[in-house]
Amino acid sequence: MFQRRQNADWENRLDTEVGKLRNALTYREVTLNRFKDLVGAPSEAELMRALAKRVSEGNLRVVYRVVSPSTKASLATFKSPWDVPETMLDESTGEEIDIDRYRNVEPVYVSEAVRAQ
């Protein structure tokens, strides 16, 4: 019984945060790490499943940000992880870099459509 209530609690917090994001009057974004902090899901895997469900239902928008491996600067944003090129210019260092989709790409949940490439 306690486990079911605990699951309902974090999912209720998630729904509250998703509602805030959807109803924001200005552009707002939340990273996976920030969602972890806000909702206290029992595991990252469960949180990712819950977020994916909300994205597939159209209740949440996600874009994919490429982050510089050396400076952590945002390099570009894409609508799909499959749109991310294998290499790109890291304008923060002036170097061409290989993109590791597991290390250099992060999902970002947004309040409105952004100009993703």
C-alpha atoms as a PDB file:
ATOM      1  CA  MET A   1       0.000   0.000   0.000  1.00  0.00           C
ATOM      2  CA  PHE A   2       2.792   2.433   0.907  1.00  0.00           C
ATOM      3  CA  GLN A   3       4.570   1.671  -2.398  1.00  0.00           C
ATOM      4  CA  ARG A   4       1.443   2.467  -4.433  1.00  0.00           C
ATOM      5  CA  ARG A   5       0.968   5.758  -2.577  1.00  0.00           C
ATOM      6  CA  GLN A   6       4.635   6.652  -3.059  1.00  0.00           C
ATOM      7  CA  ASN A   7       4.316   5.976  -6.815  1.00  0.00           C
ATOM      8  CA  ALA A   8       1.175   8.087  -6.985  1.00  0.00           C
ATOM      9  CA  ASP A   9       2.914  10.916  -5.101  1.00  0.00           C
ATOM     10  CA  TRP A  10       5.840  11.281  -7.485  1.00  0.00           C
ATOM     11  CA  GLU A  11       3.603  10.896 -10.533  1.00  0.00           C
ATOM     12  CA  ASN A  12       1.292  13.572  -9.127  1.00  0.00           C
ATOM     13  CA  ARG A  13       4.314  15.845  -8.691  1.00  0.00           C
ATOM     14  CA  LEU A  14       5.341  15.046 -12.268  1.00  0.00           C
ATOM     15  CA  ASP A  15       1.879  15.919 -13.567  1.00  0.00           C
ATOM     16  CA  THR A  16       2.010  19.195 -11.629  1.00  0.00           C
ATOM     17  CA  GLU A  17       5.386  20.096 -13.163  1.00  0.00           C
ATOM     18  CA  VAL A  18       4.236  19.084 -16.658  1.00  0.00           C
ATOM     19  CA  GLY A  19       1.152  21.277 -16.176  1.00  0.00           C
ATOM     20  CA  LYS A  20       3.339  24.234 -15.171  1.00  0.00           C
ATOM     21  CA  LEU A  21       5.459  23.690 -18.257  1.00  0.00           C
ATOM     22  CA  ARG A  22       2.482  23.395 -20.593  1.00  0.00           C
ATOM     23  CA  ASN A  23       0.770  26.471 -19.173  1.00  0.00           C
ATOM     24  CA  ALA A  24       3.843  28.716 -18.986  1.00  0.00           C
ATOM     25  CA  LEU A  25       3.233  32.140 -20.502  1.00  0.00           C
ATOM     26  CA  THR A  26       6.838  32.422 -21.652  1.00  0.00           C
ATOM     27  CA  TYR A  27       9.358  29.922 -22.935  1.00  0.00           C
ATOM     28  CA  ARG A  28      10.505  27.533 -20.235  1.00  0.00           C
ATOM     29  CA  GLU A  29      12.538  24.339 -20.266  1.00  0.00           C
ATOM     30  CA  VAL A  30      13.230  21.513 -17.848  1.00  0.00           C
ATOM     31  CA  THR A  31      16.046  18.990 -18.174  1.00  0.00           C
ATOM     32  CA  LEU A  32      15.830  15.368 -17.109  1.00  0.00           C
ATOM     33  CA  ASN A  33      18.067  16.101 -14.120  1.00  0.00           C
ATOM     34  CA  ARG A  34      15.791  18.933 -13.006  1.00  0.00           C
ATOM     35  CA  PHE A  35      12.726  16.676 -13.283  1.00  0.00           C
ATOM     36  CA  LYS A  36      14.579  14.133 -11.113  1.00  0.00           C
ATOM     37  CA  ASP A  37      15.117  16.820  -8.471  1.00  0.00           C
ATOM     38  CA  LEU A  38      11.546  18.090  -8.646  1.00  0.00           C
ATOM     39  CA  VAL A  39       9.549  14.870  -8.538  1.00  0.00           C
ATOM     40  CA  GLY A  40      11.658  12.311  -6.671  1.00  0.00           C
ATOM     41  CA  ALA A  41      10.870   9.344  -8.903  1.00  0.00           C
ATOM     42  CA  PRO A  42      11.947   5.946  -7.518  1.00  0.00           C
ATOM     43  CA  SER A  43      14.387   5.501 -10.434  1.00  0.00           C
ATOM     44  CA  GLU A  44      15.597   7.319 -13.512  1.00  0.00           C
ATOM     45  CA  ALA A  45      14.181   4.535 -15.681  1.00  0.00           C
ATOM     46  CA  GLU A  46      10.679   4.988 -14.247  1.00  0.00           C
ATOM     47  CA  LEU A  47      10.891   8.744 -14.684  1.00  0.00           C
ATOM     48  CA  MET A  48      12.023   8.353 -18.285  1.00  0.00           C
ATOM     49  CA  ARG A  49       9.133   5.960 -18.988  1.00  0.00           C
ATOM     50  CA  ALA A  50       6.664   8.415 -17.445  1.00  0.00           C
ATOM     51  CA  LEU A  51       8.086  11.330 -19.449  1.00  0.00           C
ATOM     52  CA  ALA A  52       8.056   9.293 -22.684  1.00  0.00           C
ATOM     53  CA  LYS A  53       4.407   8.423 -22.063  1.00  0.00           C
ATOM     54  CA  ARG A  54       3.501  12.092 -21.655  1.00  0.00           C
ATOM     55  CA  VAL A  55       5.446  13.003 -24.789  1.00  0.00           C
ATOM     56  CA  SER A  56       3.720  10.267 -26.829  1.00  0.00           C
ATOM     57  CA  GLU A  57       0.319  11.442 -25.562  1.00  0.00           C
ATOM     58  CA  GLY A  58       1.093  15.001 -26.668  1.00  0.00           C
ATOM     59  CA  ASN A  59       1.125  16.399 -23.144  1.00  0.00           C
ATOM     60  CA  LEU A  60       4.807  17.282 -23.178  1.00  0.00           C
ATOM     61  CA  ARG A  61       7.262  18.468 -25.823  1.00  0.00           C
ATOM     62  CA  VAL A  62      10.869  17.372 -25.989  1.00  0.00           C
ATOM     63  CA  VAL A  63      13.831  18.584 -28.042  1.00  0.00           C
ATOM     64  CA  TYR A  64      17.398  17.321 -28.063  1.00  0.00           C
ATOM     65  CA  ARG A  65      20.260  19.643 -27.194  1.00  0.00           C
ATOM     66  CA  VAL A  66      23.839  19.018 -28.298  1.00  0.00           C
ATOM     67  CA  VAL A  67      26.255  20.077 -25.567  1.00  0.00           C
ATOM     68  CA  SER A  68      29.958  20.791 -26.070  1.00  0.00           C
ATOM     69  CA  PRO A  69      32.018  18.022 -24.438  1.00  0.00           C
ATOM     70  CA  SER A  70      34.695  20.487 -23.339  1.00  0.00           C
ATOM     71  CA  THR A  71      32.823  23.695 -22.428  1.00  0.00           C
ATOM     72  CA  LYS A  72      29.306  22.295 -21.796  1.00  0.00           C
ATOM     73  CA  ALA A  73      27.926  25.120 -23.980  1.00  0.00           C
ATOM     74  CA  SER A  74      24.739  24.431 -25.932  1.00  0.00           C
ATOM     75  CA  LEU A  75      25.677  23.959 -29.600  1.00  0.00           C
ATOM     76  CA  ALA A  76      22.343  23.216 -31.277  1.00  0.00           C
ATOM     77  CA  THR A  77      18.839  21.898 -30.660  1.00  0.00           C
ATOM     78  CA  PHE A  78      17.086  19.258 -32.755  1.00  0.00           C
ATOM     79  CA  LYS A  79      13.534  17.904 -32.939  1.00  0.00           C
ATOM     80  CA  SER A  80      14.728  14.288 -32.937  1.00  0.00           C
ATOM     81  CA  PRO A  81      17.863  12.538 -31.714  1.00  0.00           C
ATOM     82  CA  TRP A  82      18.100  11.037 -35.219  1.00  0.00           C
ATOM     83  CA  ASP A  83      18.516  14.557 -36.652  1.00  0.00           C
ATOM     84  CA  VAL A  84      21.723  15.098 -34.667  1.00  0.00           C
ATOM     85  CA  PRO A  85      24.723  14.940 -37.012  1.00  0.00           C
ATOM     86  CA  GLU A  86      27.691  12.682 -36.315  1.00  0.00           C
ATOM     87  CA  THR A  87      30.052  15.672 -36.303  1.00  0.00           C
ATOM     88  CA  MET A  88      29.608  19.411 -35.938  1.00  0.00           C
ATOM     89  CA  LEU A  89      31.506  22.597 -35.308  1.00  0.00           C
ATOM     90  CA  ASP A  90      31.863  23.368 -31.613  1.00  0.00           C
ATOM     91  CA  GLU A  91      31.647  27.149 -31.870  1.00  0.00           C
ATOM     92  CA  SER A  92      32.720  27.501 -28.249  1.00  0.00           C
ATOM     93  CA  THR A  93      36.149  26.011 -29.103  1.00  0.00           C
ATOM     94  CA  GLY A  94      36.296  26.459 -32.876  1.00  0.00           C
ATOM     95  CA  GLU A  95      36.910  22.726 -33.349  1.00  0.00           C
ATOM     96  CA  GLU A  96      35.016  20.084 -35.297  1.00  0.00           C
ATOM     97  CA  ILE A  97      33.844  17.423 -32.823  1.00  0.00           C
ATOM     98  CA  ASP A  98      32.428  13.918 -33.015  1.00  0.00           C
ATOM     99  CA  ILE A  99      29.004  13.788 -31.379  1.00  0.00           C
ATOM    100  CA  ASP A 100      28.443  10.990 -28.881  1.00  0.00           C
ATOM    101  CA  ARG A 101      24.636  10.721 -28.630  1.00  0.00           C
ATOM    102  CA  TYR A 102      24.914   9.246 -25.129  1.00  0.00           C
ATOM    103  CA  ARG A 103      27.241  11.900 -23.717  1.00  0.00           C
ATOM    104  CA  ASN A 104      26.723  15.042 -25.781  1.00  0.00           C
ATOM    105  CA  VAL A 105      22.963  15.018 -26.376  1.00  0.00           C
ATOM    106  CA  GLU A 106      20.397  15.706 -23.666  1.00  0.00           C
ATOM    107  CA  PRO A 107      16.602  15.707 -23.788  1.00  0.00           C
ATOM    108  CA  VAL A 108      15.092  19.058 -22.842  1.00  0.00           C
ATOM    109  CA  TYR A 109      11.376  19.333 -22.116  1.00  0.00           C
ATOM    110  CA  VAL A 110      10.001  22.649 -23.346  1.00  0.00           C
ATOM    111  CA  SER A 111       6.932  24.823 -22.872  1.00  0.00           C
ATOM    112  CA  GLU A 112       6.527  25.625 -26.539  1.00  0.00           C
ATOM    113  CA  ALA A 113       7.920  24.649 -29.916  1.00  0.00           C
ATOM    114  CA  VAL A 114      11.432  25.975 -30.360  1.00  0.00           C
ATOM    115  CA  ARG A 115      13.367  26.538 -33.528  1.00  0.00           C
ATOM    116  CA  ALA A 116      14.943  23.117 -33.558  1.00  0.00           C
ATOM    117  CA  GLN A 117      16.900  22.172 -36.643  1.00  0.00           C
END
